[in-house]
Amino acid sequence: MLDRMVEKARQQEVFSREDTPTERRVLAAFLYHAGLSYRRIEPFVDRSYEAIRQWFHRLKHLFEPDCQPRQEVAVDETKIEIDGEEYYVWAAVDCETLEVLAVDVSPGRSSLDALLFLKEVLKQCRGRPLVRADRGPWYDWPLERLDCDYERETWGNRSLIEAWFGLFKYRTRRFWHRFPYRSTASSTRSWLRAFAALHNASL
């Protein structure tokens, strides 16, 4: 797992310099993904809080799910707080592989937000997978507009996306249910992509 991420980081030149070994940077990111704070990781890698934060965010470039045939995908969204404002995190997983296919952040939860997100999800799918979503009305028009095969449920395979959100919420409890001070939608999106990349690498 660690070796694969190190190899990918080197191939894609995620880190511009090798003043700190890539192995150490990726290890720090995995420790953070697992629940340690940047400051608690400092003694393990002998680098600053800010350096570790930047390493983690650089791994967003490794969030590149392959476009391939998929049978079922599950989508969901959850509310978060960013700098005192409410936002929504969207995510989708492959129900067979548990791979995260897409993540995004939006200030609202409208049908347009759902449409834009579902379009991103379908870009990672060859063919037309069955889409599993809850009964939120914001999914009604987009699913019809995109001519998706879908099932609306709050149980079954759709619970797989809730399991991923469980991991996400467990990790963000360290932030007291909001992203760190002075976060933005853009920095939160970067954080999510890095978090998803590390999740996929651990499968």
N, C-alpha and C. Protein backbone atom coordinates (compact mmCIF):
# COMPACT_ATOMS: atom_id res chain seq x y z
N MET A 1 0.83 -1.21 0.00
CA MET A 1 0.00 0.00 0.00
C MET A 1 0.87 1.26 0.00
N LEU A 2 1.79 1.34 0.97
CA LEU A 2 2.67 2.50 1.04
C LEU A 2 3.58 2.56 -0.18
N ASP A 3 4.10 1.40 -0.58
CA ASP A 3 5.00 1.36 -1.73
C ASP A 3 4.30 1.81 -3.01
N ARG A 4 3.03 1.41 -3.17
CA ARG A 4 2.29 1.81 -4.37
C ARG A 4 2.10 3.32 -4.43
N MET A 5 1.77 3.91 -3.29
CA MET A 5 1.57 5.36 -3.26
C MET A 5 2.88 6.10 -3.50
N VAL A 6 3.96 5.58 -2.95
CA VAL A 6 5.27 6.21 -3.16
C VAL A 6 5.63 6.17 -4.64
N GLU A 7 5.41 5.01 -5.26
CA GLU A 7 5.73 4.86 -6.68
C GLU A 7 4.90 5.82 -7.54
N LYS A 8 3.59 5.91 -7.24
CA LYS A 8 2.73 6.81 -8.00
C LYS A 8 3.14 8.27 -7.80
N ALA A 9 3.48 8.62 -6.57
CA ALA A 9 3.89 10.00 -6.29
C ALA A 9 5.15 10.36 -7.07
N ARG A 10 6.07 9.41 -7.18
CA ARG A 10 7.29 9.66 -7.94
C ARG A 10 7.01 9.74 -9.44
N GLN A 11 6.18 8.82 -9.93
CA GLN A 11 5.87 8.81 -11.36
C GLN A 11 5.21 10.12 -11.79
N GLN A 12 4.33 10.64 -10.96
CA GLN A 12 3.60 11.86 -11.31
C GLN A 12 4.27 13.12 -10.78
N GLU A 13 5.44 12.95 -10.16
CA GLU A 13 6.21 14.09 -9.65
C GLU A 13 5.34 14.99 -8.77
N VAL A 14 4.65 14.35 -7.84
CA VAL A 14 3.78 15.08 -6.92
C VAL A 14 4.58 16.06 -6.06
N PHE A 15 5.76 15.63 -5.66
CA PHE A 15 6.63 16.48 -4.86
C PHE A 15 7.78 16.97 -5.75
N SER A 16 7.96 18.27 -5.79
CA SER A 16 8.91 18.84 -6.75
C SER A 16 10.36 18.59 -6.37
N ARG A 17 10.63 18.43 -5.08
CA ARG A 17 12.01 18.20 -4.64
C ARG A 17 12.07 16.97 -3.74
N GLU A 18 13.26 16.38 -3.66
CA GLU A 18 13.45 15.20 -2.81
C GLU A 18 14.28 15.55 -1.57
N ASP A 19 14.12 16.79 -1.06
CA ASP A 19 14.86 17.16 0.14
C ASP A 19 14.40 16.32 1.34
N THR A 20 13.14 15.87 1.29
CA THR A 20 12.63 14.89 2.24
C THR A 20 12.21 13.67 1.44
N PRO A 21 12.63 12.47 1.82
CA PRO A 21 12.28 11.28 1.03
C PRO A 21 10.78 11.15 0.83
N THR A 22 10.39 10.75 -0.36
CA THR A 22 8.97 10.58 -0.67
C THR A 22 8.32 9.58 0.27
N GLU A 23 9.06 8.53 0.66
CA GLU A 23 8.51 7.54 1.59
C GLU A 23 8.06 8.20 2.88
N ARG A 24 8.87 9.13 3.37
CA ARG A 24 8.53 9.79 4.63
C ARG A 24 7.30 10.69 4.47
N ARG A 25 7.21 11.35 3.34
CA ARG A 25 6.07 12.23 3.10
C ARG A 25 4.76 11.44 2.99
N VAL A 26 4.81 10.34 2.27
CA VAL A 26 3.60 9.53 2.11
C VAL A 26 3.22 8.87 3.43
N LEU A 27 4.21 8.42 4.19
CA LEU A 27 3.92 7.85 5.52
C LEU A 27 3.23 8.88 6.40
N ALA A 28 3.71 10.12 6.37
CA ALA A 28 3.09 11.18 7.17
C ALA A 28 1.63 11.37 6.76
N ALA A 29 1.37 11.32 5.46
CA ALA A 29 0.00 11.50 4.97
C ALA A 29 -0.90 10.35 5.44
N PHE A 30 -0.38 9.13 5.41
CA PHE A 30 -1.18 7.99 5.88
C PHE A 30 -1.45 8.10 7.38
N LEU A 31 -0.48 8.56 8.15
CA LEU A 31 -0.70 8.73 9.59
C LEU A 31 -1.78 9.78 9.85
N TYR A 32 -1.75 10.84 9.07
CA TYR A 32 -2.78 11.87 9.20
C TYR A 32 -4.15 11.32 8.80
N HIS A 33 -4.19 10.59 7.71
CA HIS A 33 -5.44 9.96 7.25
C HIS A 33 -6.01 9.05 8.33
N ALA A 34 -5.12 8.38 9.06
CA ALA A 34 -5.56 7.43 10.09
C ALA A 34 -6.09 8.12 11.34
N GLY A 35 -5.80 9.42 11.50
CA GLY A 35 -6.39 10.13 12.64
C GLY A 35 -5.44 11.00 13.45
N LEU A 36 -4.13 10.88 13.22
CA LEU A 36 -3.20 11.73 13.96
C LEU A 36 -3.25 13.16 13.43
N SER A 37 -2.99 14.11 14.30
CA SER A 37 -2.93 15.50 13.86
C SER A 37 -1.56 15.77 13.23
N TYR A 38 -1.49 16.88 12.48
CA TYR A 38 -0.20 17.25 11.89
C TYR A 38 0.87 17.39 12.97
N ARG A 39 0.50 18.00 14.09
CA ARG A 39 1.50 18.25 15.14
C ARG A 39 1.97 16.95 15.78
N ARG A 40 1.09 15.97 15.92
CA ARG A 40 1.50 14.69 16.51
C ARG A 40 2.41 13.90 15.56
N ILE A 41 2.32 14.21 14.28
CA ILE A 41 3.16 13.50 13.30
C ILE A 41 4.56 14.10 13.22
N GLU A 42 4.70 15.35 13.62
CA GLU A 42 5.99 16.05 13.51
C GLU A 42 7.18 15.23 14.03
N PRO A 43 7.10 14.61 15.23
CA PRO A 43 8.27 13.86 15.74
C PRO A 43 8.63 12.64 14.89
N PHE A 44 7.65 12.08 14.18
CA PHE A 44 7.92 10.88 13.38
C PHE A 44 8.70 11.19 12.11
N VAL A 45 8.51 12.39 11.58
CA VAL A 45 9.12 12.72 10.28
C VAL A 45 10.11 13.88 10.37
N ASP A 46 10.22 14.48 11.56
CA ASP A 46 11.18 15.56 11.79
C ASP A 46 10.97 16.72 10.82
N ARG A 47 9.71 17.07 10.62
CA ARG A 47 9.37 18.22 9.78
C ARG A 47 8.22 18.98 10.44
N SER A 48 7.98 20.19 9.98
CA SER A 48 7.01 21.07 10.63
C SER A 48 5.57 20.70 10.31
N TYR A 49 4.68 21.20 11.16
CA TYR A 49 3.24 21.09 10.95
C TYR A 49 2.86 21.52 9.54
N GLU A 50 3.36 22.68 9.10
CA GLU A 50 2.98 23.22 7.80
C GLU A 50 3.49 22.35 6.65
N ALA A 51 4.69 21.80 6.79
CA ALA A 51 5.22 20.92 5.74
C ALA A 51 4.34 19.68 5.59
N ILE A 52 3.94 19.10 6.71
CA ILE A 52 3.10 17.90 6.67
C ILE A 52 1.74 18.21 6.05
N ARG A 53 1.19 19.37 6.41
CA ARG A 53 -0.10 19.78 5.82
C ARG A 53 0.02 19.89 4.31
N GLN A 54 1.09 20.48 3.84
CA GLN A 54 1.29 20.63 2.39
C GLN A 54 1.49 19.28 1.72
N TRP A 55 2.22 18.37 2.36
CA TRP A 55 2.41 17.04 1.77
C TRP A 55 1.06 16.35 1.58
N PHE A 56 0.23 16.41 2.63
CA PHE A 56 -1.07 15.75 2.54
C PHE A 56 -1.87 16.31 1.37
N HIS A 57 -1.94 17.62 1.26
CA HIS A 57 -2.73 18.24 0.19
C HIS A 57 -2.15 17.94 -1.19
N ARG A 58 -0.85 17.75 -1.30
CA ARG A 58 -0.26 17.44 -2.60
C ARG A 58 -0.77 16.10 -3.14
N LEU A 59 -1.16 15.21 -2.25
CA LEU A 59 -1.62 13.89 -2.69
C LEU A 59 -2.99 13.94 -3.36
N LYS A 60 -3.63 15.10 -3.37
CA LYS A 60 -4.89 15.23 -4.12
C LYS A 60 -4.67 14.90 -5.59
N HIS A 61 -3.45 15.09 -6.08
CA HIS A 61 -3.16 14.82 -7.49
C HIS A 61 -3.20 13.33 -7.81
N LEU A 62 -3.20 12.49 -6.79
CA LEU A 62 -3.25 11.05 -7.01
C LEU A 62 -4.68 10.52 -6.97
N PHE A 63 -5.65 11.42 -6.79
CA PHE A 63 -7.05 10.98 -6.83
C PHE A 63 -7.50 10.98 -8.28
N GLU A 64 -7.30 9.84 -8.93
CA GLU A 64 -7.61 9.69 -10.35
C GLU A 64 -8.25 8.33 -10.60
N PRO A 65 -9.50 8.15 -10.20
CA PRO A 65 -10.16 6.85 -10.45
C PRO A 65 -10.17 6.54 -11.94
N ASP A 66 -9.91 5.29 -12.27
CA ASP A 66 -9.93 4.87 -13.67
C ASP A 66 -11.36 4.78 -14.17
N CYS A 67 -11.56 5.19 -15.41
CA CYS A 67 -12.86 4.99 -16.05
C CYS A 67 -12.94 3.54 -16.49
N GLN A 68 -13.88 2.80 -15.93
CA GLN A 68 -14.00 1.38 -16.23
C GLN A 68 -15.45 0.93 -16.03
N PRO A 69 -15.79 -0.27 -16.52
CA PRO A 69 -17.17 -0.75 -16.33
C PRO A 69 -17.50 -0.86 -14.85
N ARG A 70 -18.66 -0.36 -14.48
CA ARG A 70 -19.10 -0.43 -13.08
C ARG A 70 -20.56 -0.84 -13.06
N GLN A 71 -20.89 -1.73 -12.14
CA GLN A 71 -22.25 -2.24 -12.05
C GLN A 71 -23.16 -1.32 -11.25
N GLU A 72 -22.67 -0.88 -10.10
CA GLU A 72 -23.48 -0.04 -9.21
C GLU A 72 -22.61 1.02 -8.56
N VAL A 73 -23.16 2.21 -8.43
CA VAL A 73 -22.49 3.26 -7.66
C VAL A 73 -23.50 3.83 -6.67
N ALA A 74 -23.00 4.23 -5.52
CA ALA A 74 -23.86 4.84 -4.49
C ALA A 74 -23.40 6.27 -4.26
N VAL A 75 -24.34 7.18 -4.17
CA VAL A 75 -24.03 8.60 -3.97
C VAL A 75 -24.74 9.11 -2.72
N ASP A 76 -24.13 10.11 -2.12
CA ASP A 76 -24.74 10.71 -0.93
C ASP A 76 -24.07 12.05 -0.68
N GLU A 77 -24.60 12.78 0.27
CA GLU A 77 -24.03 14.07 0.65
C GLU A 77 -24.25 14.28 2.14
N THR A 78 -23.43 15.13 2.73
CA THR A 78 -23.57 15.43 4.15
C THR A 78 -23.21 16.89 4.39
N LYS A 79 -23.75 17.45 5.45
CA LYS A 79 -23.53 18.86 5.77
C LYS A 79 -22.27 19.01 6.62
N ILE A 80 -21.48 20.04 6.32
CA ILE A 80 -20.30 20.36 7.13
C ILE A 80 -20.29 21.87 7.37
N GLU A 81 -19.38 22.31 8.21
CA GLU A 81 -19.21 23.74 8.47
C GLU A 81 -17.81 24.16 8.06
N ILE A 82 -17.73 25.21 7.25
CA ILE A 82 -16.45 25.76 6.82
C ILE A 82 -16.43 27.24 7.18
N ASP A 83 -15.56 27.60 8.10
CA ASP A 83 -15.42 29.00 8.51
C ASP A 83 -16.77 29.63 8.87
N GLY A 84 -17.57 28.88 9.62
CA GLY A 84 -18.84 29.39 10.11
C GLY A 84 -20.00 29.29 9.15
N GLU A 85 -19.77 28.78 7.94
CA GLU A 85 -20.82 28.67 6.94
C GLU A 85 -21.12 27.20 6.65
N GLU A 86 -22.39 26.91 6.31
CA GLU A 86 -22.78 25.55 5.98
C GLU A 86 -22.45 25.23 4.52
N TYR A 87 -21.86 24.05 4.32
CA TYR A 87 -21.57 23.54 2.99
C TYR A 87 -21.99 22.07 2.95
N TYR A 88 -21.95 21.51 1.74
CA TYR A 88 -22.27 20.10 1.58
C TYR A 88 -21.12 19.38 0.90
N VAL A 89 -20.78 18.23 1.45
CA VAL A 89 -19.79 17.34 0.83
C VAL A 89 -20.55 16.26 0.08
N TRP A 90 -20.19 16.05 -1.18
CA TRP A 90 -20.78 15.01 -2.02
C TRP A 90 -19.73 13.93 -2.25
N ALA A 91 -20.17 12.68 -2.29
CA ALA A 91 -19.24 11.59 -2.55
C ALA A 91 -19.98 10.44 -3.23
N ALA A 92 -19.22 9.64 -3.97
CA ALA A 92 -19.77 8.46 -4.64
C ALA A 92 -18.76 7.33 -4.55
N VAL A 93 -19.25 6.11 -4.35
CA VAL A 93 -18.38 4.95 -4.30
C VAL A 93 -18.90 3.86 -5.24
N ASP A 94 -17.97 3.05 -5.72
CA ASP A 94 -18.30 1.85 -6.48
C ASP A 94 -18.76 0.80 -5.47
N CYS A 95 -19.96 0.28 -5.63
CA CYS A 95 -20.51 -0.64 -4.63
C CYS A 95 -19.79 -1.98 -4.59
N GLU A 96 -19.06 -2.32 -5.64
CA GLU A 96 -18.34 -3.59 -5.67
C GLU A 96 -16.93 -3.45 -5.10
N THR A 97 -16.21 -2.42 -5.52
CA THR A 97 -14.81 -2.28 -5.11
C THR A 97 -14.62 -1.37 -3.90
N LEU A 98 -15.64 -0.58 -3.55
CA LEU A 98 -15.60 0.43 -2.48
C LEU A 98 -14.70 1.61 -2.82
N GLU A 99 -14.25 1.70 -4.06
CA GLU A 99 -13.42 2.81 -4.50
C GLU A 99 -14.24 4.10 -4.52
N VAL A 100 -13.66 5.18 -4.01
CA VAL A 100 -14.31 6.48 -4.11
C VAL A 100 -14.12 6.99 -5.53
N LEU A 101 -15.21 7.35 -6.18
CA LEU A 101 -15.17 7.76 -7.59
C LEU A 101 -15.14 9.27 -7.76
N ALA A 102 -15.74 9.99 -6.84
CA ALA A 102 -15.79 11.45 -6.95
C ALA A 102 -16.11 12.04 -5.59
N VAL A 103 -15.58 13.22 -5.35
CA VAL A 103 -15.91 14.01 -4.16
C VAL A 103 -16.03 15.47 -4.58
N ASP A 104 -16.84 16.22 -3.88
CA ASP A 104 -16.96 17.65 -4.19
C ASP A 104 -17.55 18.37 -2.98
N VAL A 105 -17.49 19.70 -3.05
CA VAL A 105 -18.03 20.57 -2.00
C VAL A 105 -18.87 21.63 -2.68
N SER A 106 -20.04 21.91 -2.12
CA SER A 106 -20.89 22.97 -2.68
C SER A 106 -21.56 23.73 -1.54
N PRO A 107 -21.87 25.01 -1.77
CA PRO A 107 -22.53 25.80 -0.73
C PRO A 107 -24.01 25.47 -0.56
N GLY A 108 -24.58 24.73 -1.52
CA GLY A 108 -25.98 24.37 -1.44
C GLY A 108 -26.19 22.90 -1.78
N ARG A 109 -27.46 22.50 -1.76
CA ARG A 109 -27.81 21.11 -2.06
C ARG A 109 -29.01 21.13 -3.01
N SER A 110 -28.82 21.74 -4.16
CA SER A 110 -29.90 21.89 -5.13
C SER A 110 -29.83 20.78 -6.17
N SER A 111 -30.84 20.75 -7.02
CA SER A 111 -30.83 19.79 -8.12
C SER A 111 -29.68 20.06 -9.08
N LEU A 112 -29.31 21.33 -9.25
CA LEU A 112 -28.18 21.66 -10.11
C LEU A 112 -26.88 21.13 -9.51
N ASP A 113 -26.71 21.28 -8.20
CA ASP A 113 -25.52 20.73 -7.54
C ASP A 113 -25.45 19.22 -7.74
N ALA A 114 -26.59 18.56 -7.57
CA ALA A 114 -26.64 17.10 -7.75
C ALA A 114 -26.34 16.71 -9.19
N LEU A 115 -26.86 17.47 -10.14
CA LEU A 115 -26.61 17.19 -11.56
C LEU A 115 -25.13 17.28 -11.89
N LEU A 116 -24.49 18.36 -11.45
CA LEU A 116 -23.07 18.55 -11.74
C LEU A 116 -22.23 17.44 -11.11
N PHE A 117 -22.61 17.03 -9.90
CA PHE A 117 -21.86 15.97 -9.25
C PHE A 117 -22.05 14.64 -9.95
N LEU A 118 -23.28 14.31 -10.29
CA LEU A 118 -23.55 13.03 -10.96
C LEU A 118 -22.83 12.96 -12.31
N LYS A 119 -22.70 14.07 -12.99
CA LYS A 119 -21.95 14.08 -14.25
C LYS A 119 -20.50 13.68 -14.01
N GLU A 120 -19.91 14.19 -12.92
CA GLU A 120 -18.53 13.82 -12.59
C GLU A 120 -18.42 12.34 -12.26
N VAL A 121 -19.41 11.82 -11.55
CA VAL A 121 -19.41 10.40 -11.20
C VAL A 121 -19.44 9.54 -12.46
N LEU A 122 -20.32 9.88 -13.38
CA LEU A 122 -20.49 9.07 -14.59
C LEU A 122 -19.27 9.12 -15.50
N LYS A 123 -18.44 10.15 -15.37
CA LYS A 123 -17.19 10.21 -16.14
C LYS A 123 -16.24 9.07 -15.76
N GLN A 124 -16.41 8.53 -14.56
CA GLN A 124 -15.55 7.44 -14.09
C GLN A 124 -16.15 6.07 -14.38
N CYS A 125 -17.23 6.05 -15.13
CA CYS A 125 -17.95 4.80 -15.39
C CYS A 125 -18.05 4.54 -16.88
N ARG A 126 -17.63 3.36 -17.30
CA ARG A 126 -17.85 2.94 -18.67
C ARG A 126 -19.18 2.19 -18.70
N GLY A 127 -20.08 2.62 -19.56
CA GLY A 127 -21.42 2.05 -19.55
C GLY A 127 -22.31 2.86 -18.62
N ARG A 128 -23.44 2.29 -18.27
CA ARG A 128 -24.42 2.99 -17.44
C ARG A 128 -24.68 2.18 -16.17
N PRO A 129 -24.01 2.50 -15.09
CA PRO A 129 -24.21 1.75 -13.85
C PRO A 129 -25.55 2.09 -13.21
N LEU A 130 -26.01 1.21 -12.35
CA LEU A 130 -27.16 1.51 -11.52
C LEU A 130 -26.72 2.50 -10.45
N VAL A 131 -27.45 3.60 -10.32
CA VAL A 131 -27.12 4.62 -9.33
C VAL A 131 -28.04 4.45 -8.13
N ARG A 132 -27.45 4.31 -6.97
CA ARG A 132 -28.22 4.20 -5.73
C ARG A 132 -28.12 5.51 -4.96
N ALA A 133 -29.26 6.11 -4.71
CA ALA A 133 -29.32 7.39 -4.00
C ALA A 133 -30.46 7.34 -3.00
N ASP A 134 -30.42 8.25 -2.03
CA ASP A 134 -31.53 8.30 -1.08
C ASP A 134 -32.71 9.04 -1.72
N ARG A 135 -33.72 9.34 -0.93
CA ARG A 135 -34.94 9.92 -1.48
C ARG A 135 -34.94 11.45 -1.47
N GLY A 136 -33.77 12.04 -1.32
CA GLY A 136 -33.69 13.50 -1.35
C GLY A 136 -34.22 14.04 -2.67
N PRO A 137 -35.11 15.03 -2.64
CA PRO A 137 -35.73 15.54 -3.88
C PRO A 137 -34.74 16.17 -4.84
N TRP A 138 -33.56 16.56 -4.35
CA TRP A 138 -32.55 17.17 -5.23
C TRP A 138 -32.00 16.18 -6.25
N TYR A 139 -32.25 14.87 -6.04
CA TYR A 139 -31.80 13.87 -7.01
C TYR A 139 -32.84 13.58 -8.10
N ASP A 140 -34.09 14.00 -7.90
CA ASP A 140 -35.17 13.60 -8.81
C ASP A 140 -34.89 14.00 -10.25
N TRP A 141 -34.76 15.29 -10.49
CA TRP A 141 -34.57 15.77 -11.85
C TRP A 141 -33.23 15.33 -12.46
N PRO A 142 -32.10 15.40 -11.72
CA PRO A 142 -30.82 14.99 -12.33
C PRO A 142 -30.81 13.53 -12.79
N LEU A 143 -31.37 12.62 -12.00
CA LEU A 143 -31.37 11.21 -12.39
C LEU A 143 -32.19 11.00 -13.66
N GLU A 144 -33.30 11.71 -13.78
CA GLU A 144 -34.10 11.62 -15.01
C GLU A 144 -33.40 12.31 -16.17
N ARG A 145 -32.82 13.47 -15.90
CA ARG A 145 -32.15 14.25 -16.95
C ARG A 145 -30.99 13.48 -17.55
N LEU A 146 -30.27 12.73 -16.74
CA LEU A 146 -29.11 11.97 -17.21
C LEU A 146 -29.49 10.57 -17.68
N ASP A 147 -30.78 10.27 -17.64
CA ASP A 147 -31.29 8.97 -18.10
C ASP A 147 -30.60 7.82 -17.37
N CYS A 148 -30.46 7.96 -16.06
CA CYS A 148 -29.79 6.94 -15.25
C CYS A 148 -30.75 5.81 -14.88
N ASP A 149 -30.22 4.60 -14.82
CA ASP A 149 -30.92 3.54 -14.10
C ASP A 149 -30.64 3.78 -12.62
N TYR A 150 -31.67 3.80 -11.81
CA TYR A 150 -31.43 4.14 -10.42
C TYR A 150 -32.42 3.46 -9.50
N GLU A 151 -32.03 3.39 -8.24
CA GLU A 151 -32.90 2.94 -7.16
C GLU A 151 -32.76 3.93 -6.02
N ARG A 152 -33.89 4.29 -5.42
CA ARG A 152 -33.91 5.23 -4.30
C ARG A 152 -34.14 4.41 -3.04
N GLU A 153 -33.16 4.41 -2.16
CA GLU A 153 -33.27 3.59 -0.96
C GLU A 153 -32.43 4.19 0.15
N THR A 154 -32.70 3.77 1.35
CA THR A 154 -31.91 4.22 2.51
C THR A 154 -31.24 3.03 3.19
N TRP A 155 -31.13 1.92 2.49
CA TRP A 155 -30.56 0.69 3.06
C TRP A 155 -29.84 -0.04 1.93
N GLY A 156 -29.53 -1.32 2.12
CA GLY A 156 -28.89 -2.11 1.07
C GLY A 156 -27.52 -1.56 0.69
N ASN A 157 -27.18 -1.66 -0.60
CA ASN A 157 -25.86 -1.24 -1.05
C ASN A 157 -25.61 0.25 -0.91
N ARG A 158 -26.68 1.04 -0.78
CA ARG A 158 -26.46 2.47 -0.59
C ARG A 158 -25.77 2.74 0.74
N SER A 159 -25.88 1.79 1.67
CA SER A 159 -25.23 1.97 2.96
C SER A 159 -23.70 1.99 2.83
N LEU A 160 -23.18 1.54 1.67
CA LEU A 160 -21.73 1.55 1.48
C LEU A 160 -21.18 2.97 1.43
N ILE A 161 -21.94 3.89 0.84
CA ILE A 161 -21.48 5.28 0.82
C ILE A 161 -21.60 5.88 2.22
N GLU A 162 -22.60 5.45 2.98
CA GLU A 162 -22.71 5.92 4.35
C GLU A 162 -21.54 5.43 5.20
N ALA A 163 -21.04 4.22 4.87
CA ALA A 163 -19.87 3.71 5.59
C ALA A 163 -18.66 4.60 5.33
N TRP A 164 -18.50 5.04 4.06
CA TRP A 164 -17.37 5.94 3.77
C TRP A 164 -17.54 7.27 4.49
N PHE A 165 -18.76 7.78 4.50
CA PHE A 165 -19.00 9.02 5.22
C PHE A 165 -18.77 8.83 6.72
N GLY A 166 -18.97 7.61 7.21
CA GLY A 166 -18.65 7.33 8.61
C GLY A 166 -17.17 7.53 8.88
N LEU A 167 -16.31 7.06 7.95
CA LEU A 167 -14.87 7.28 8.08
C LEU A 167 -14.54 8.77 8.00
N PHE A 168 -15.18 9.44 7.06
CA PHE A 168 -14.96 10.88 6.90
C PHE A 168 -15.34 11.63 8.18
N LYS A 169 -16.49 11.30 8.75
CA LYS A 169 -16.95 12.00 9.96
C LYS A 169 -16.08 11.66 11.16
N TYR A 170 -15.62 10.41 11.22
CA TYR A 170 -14.71 10.03 12.31
C TYR A 170 -13.45 10.89 12.25
N ARG A 171 -12.93 11.07 11.02
CA ARG A 171 -11.70 11.86 10.88
C ARG A 171 -11.94 13.33 11.19
N THR A 172 -13.06 13.87 10.74
CA THR A 172 -13.29 15.30 10.92
C THR A 172 -13.79 15.65 12.32
N ARG A 173 -14.11 14.66 13.14
CA ARG A 173 -14.41 14.98 14.54
C ARG A 173 -13.22 15.62 15.22
N ARG A 174 -12.04 15.36 14.68
CA ARG A 174 -10.84 16.01 15.21
C ARG A 174 -10.90 17.52 14.99
N PHE A 175 -11.74 17.94 14.04
CA PHE A 175 -11.90 19.37 13.76
C PHE A 175 -13.09 19.95 14.51
N TRP A 176 -13.68 19.20 15.42
CA TRP A 176 -14.87 19.65 16.14
C TRP A 176 -16.01 19.97 15.17
N HIS A 177 -16.20 19.06 14.20
CA HIS A 177 -17.31 19.14 13.24
C HIS A 177 -17.23 20.32 12.28
N ARG A 178 -16.12 20.99 12.22
CA ARG A 178 -15.93 22.03 11.22
C ARG A 178 -14.49 21.95 10.73
N PHE A 179 -14.28 22.41 9.52
CA PHE A 179 -12.92 22.40 9.01
C PHE A 179 -12.11 23.51 9.68
N PRO A 180 -10.79 23.35 9.71
CA PRO A 180 -9.96 24.29 10.48
C PRO A 180 -10.20 25.75 10.12
N TYR A 181 -9.86 26.60 11.05
CA TYR A 181 -10.02 28.05 10.90
C TYR A 181 -9.40 28.51 9.58
N ARG A 182 -10.13 29.38 8.89
CA ARG A 182 -9.71 29.99 7.64
C ARG A 182 -9.71 29.01 6.47
N SER A 183 -10.37 27.87 6.63
CA SER A 183 -10.55 26.97 5.49
C SER A 183 -11.50 27.62 4.49
N THR A 184 -11.41 27.18 3.24
CA THR A 184 -12.30 27.64 2.18
C THR A 184 -12.89 26.42 1.49
N ALA A 185 -13.85 26.64 0.61
CA ALA A 185 -14.39 25.52 -0.16
C ALA A 185 -13.29 24.87 -0.99
N SER A 186 -12.39 25.69 -1.53
CA SER A 186 -11.30 25.17 -2.36
C SER A 186 -10.34 24.31 -1.54
N SER A 187 -9.93 24.78 -0.36
CA SER A 187 -9.00 24.00 0.46
C SER A 187 -9.67 22.74 0.99
N THR A 188 -10.97 22.82 1.27
CA THR A 188 -11.70 21.64 1.73
C THR A 188 -11.80 20.61 0.61
N ARG A 189 -12.02 21.08 -0.62
CA ARG A 189 -12.07 20.16 -1.77
C ARG A 189 -10.71 19.48 -1.95
N SER A 190 -9.63 20.23 -1.78
CA SER A 190 -8.29 19.66 -1.87
C SER A 190 -8.09 18.60 -0.80
N TRP A 191 -8.51 18.90 0.43
CA TRP A 191 -8.40 17.95 1.54
C TRP A 191 -9.17 16.67 1.22
N LEU A 192 -10.38 16.82 0.70
CA LEU A 192 -11.22 15.66 0.39
C LEU A 192 -10.59 14.78 -0.68
N ARG A 193 -10.01 15.38 -1.70
CA ARG A 193 -9.40 14.60 -2.77
C ARG A 193 -8.19 13.82 -2.25
N ALA A 194 -7.41 14.44 -1.38
CA ALA A 194 -6.28 13.73 -0.78
C ALA A 194 -6.77 12.60 0.11
N PHE A 195 -7.81 12.87 0.90
CA PHE A 195 -8.37 11.85 1.78
C PHE A 195 -8.90 10.67 0.97
N ALA A 196 -9.58 10.96 -0.15
CA ALA A 196 -10.12 9.90 -1.00
C ALA A 196 -9.00 9.11 -1.68
N ALA A 197 -7.94 9.80 -2.09
CA ALA A 197 -6.81 9.11 -2.72
C ALA A 197 -6.18 8.11 -1.76
N LEU A 198 -6.02 8.49 -0.51
CA LEU A 198 -5.43 7.59 0.48
C LEU A 198 -6.39 6.45 0.82
N HIS A 199 -7.69 6.75 0.85
CA HIS A 199 -8.67 5.68 1.05
C HIS A 199 -8.58 4.64 -0.06
N ASN A 200 -8.56 5.10 -1.31
CA ASN A 200 -8.50 4.17 -2.43
C ASN A 200 -7.21 3.36 -2.42
N ALA A 201 -6.12 3.99 -2.00
CA ALA A 201 -4.84 3.28 -1.96
C ALA A 201 -4.85 2.17 -0.92
N SER A 202 -5.70 2.30 0.10
CA SER A 202 -5.73 1.31 1.18
C SER A 202 -6.64 0.13 0.88
N LEU A 203 -7.36 0.16 -0.25
CA LEU A 203 -8.29 -0.93 -0.57
C LEU A 203 -7.54 -2.18 -1.03
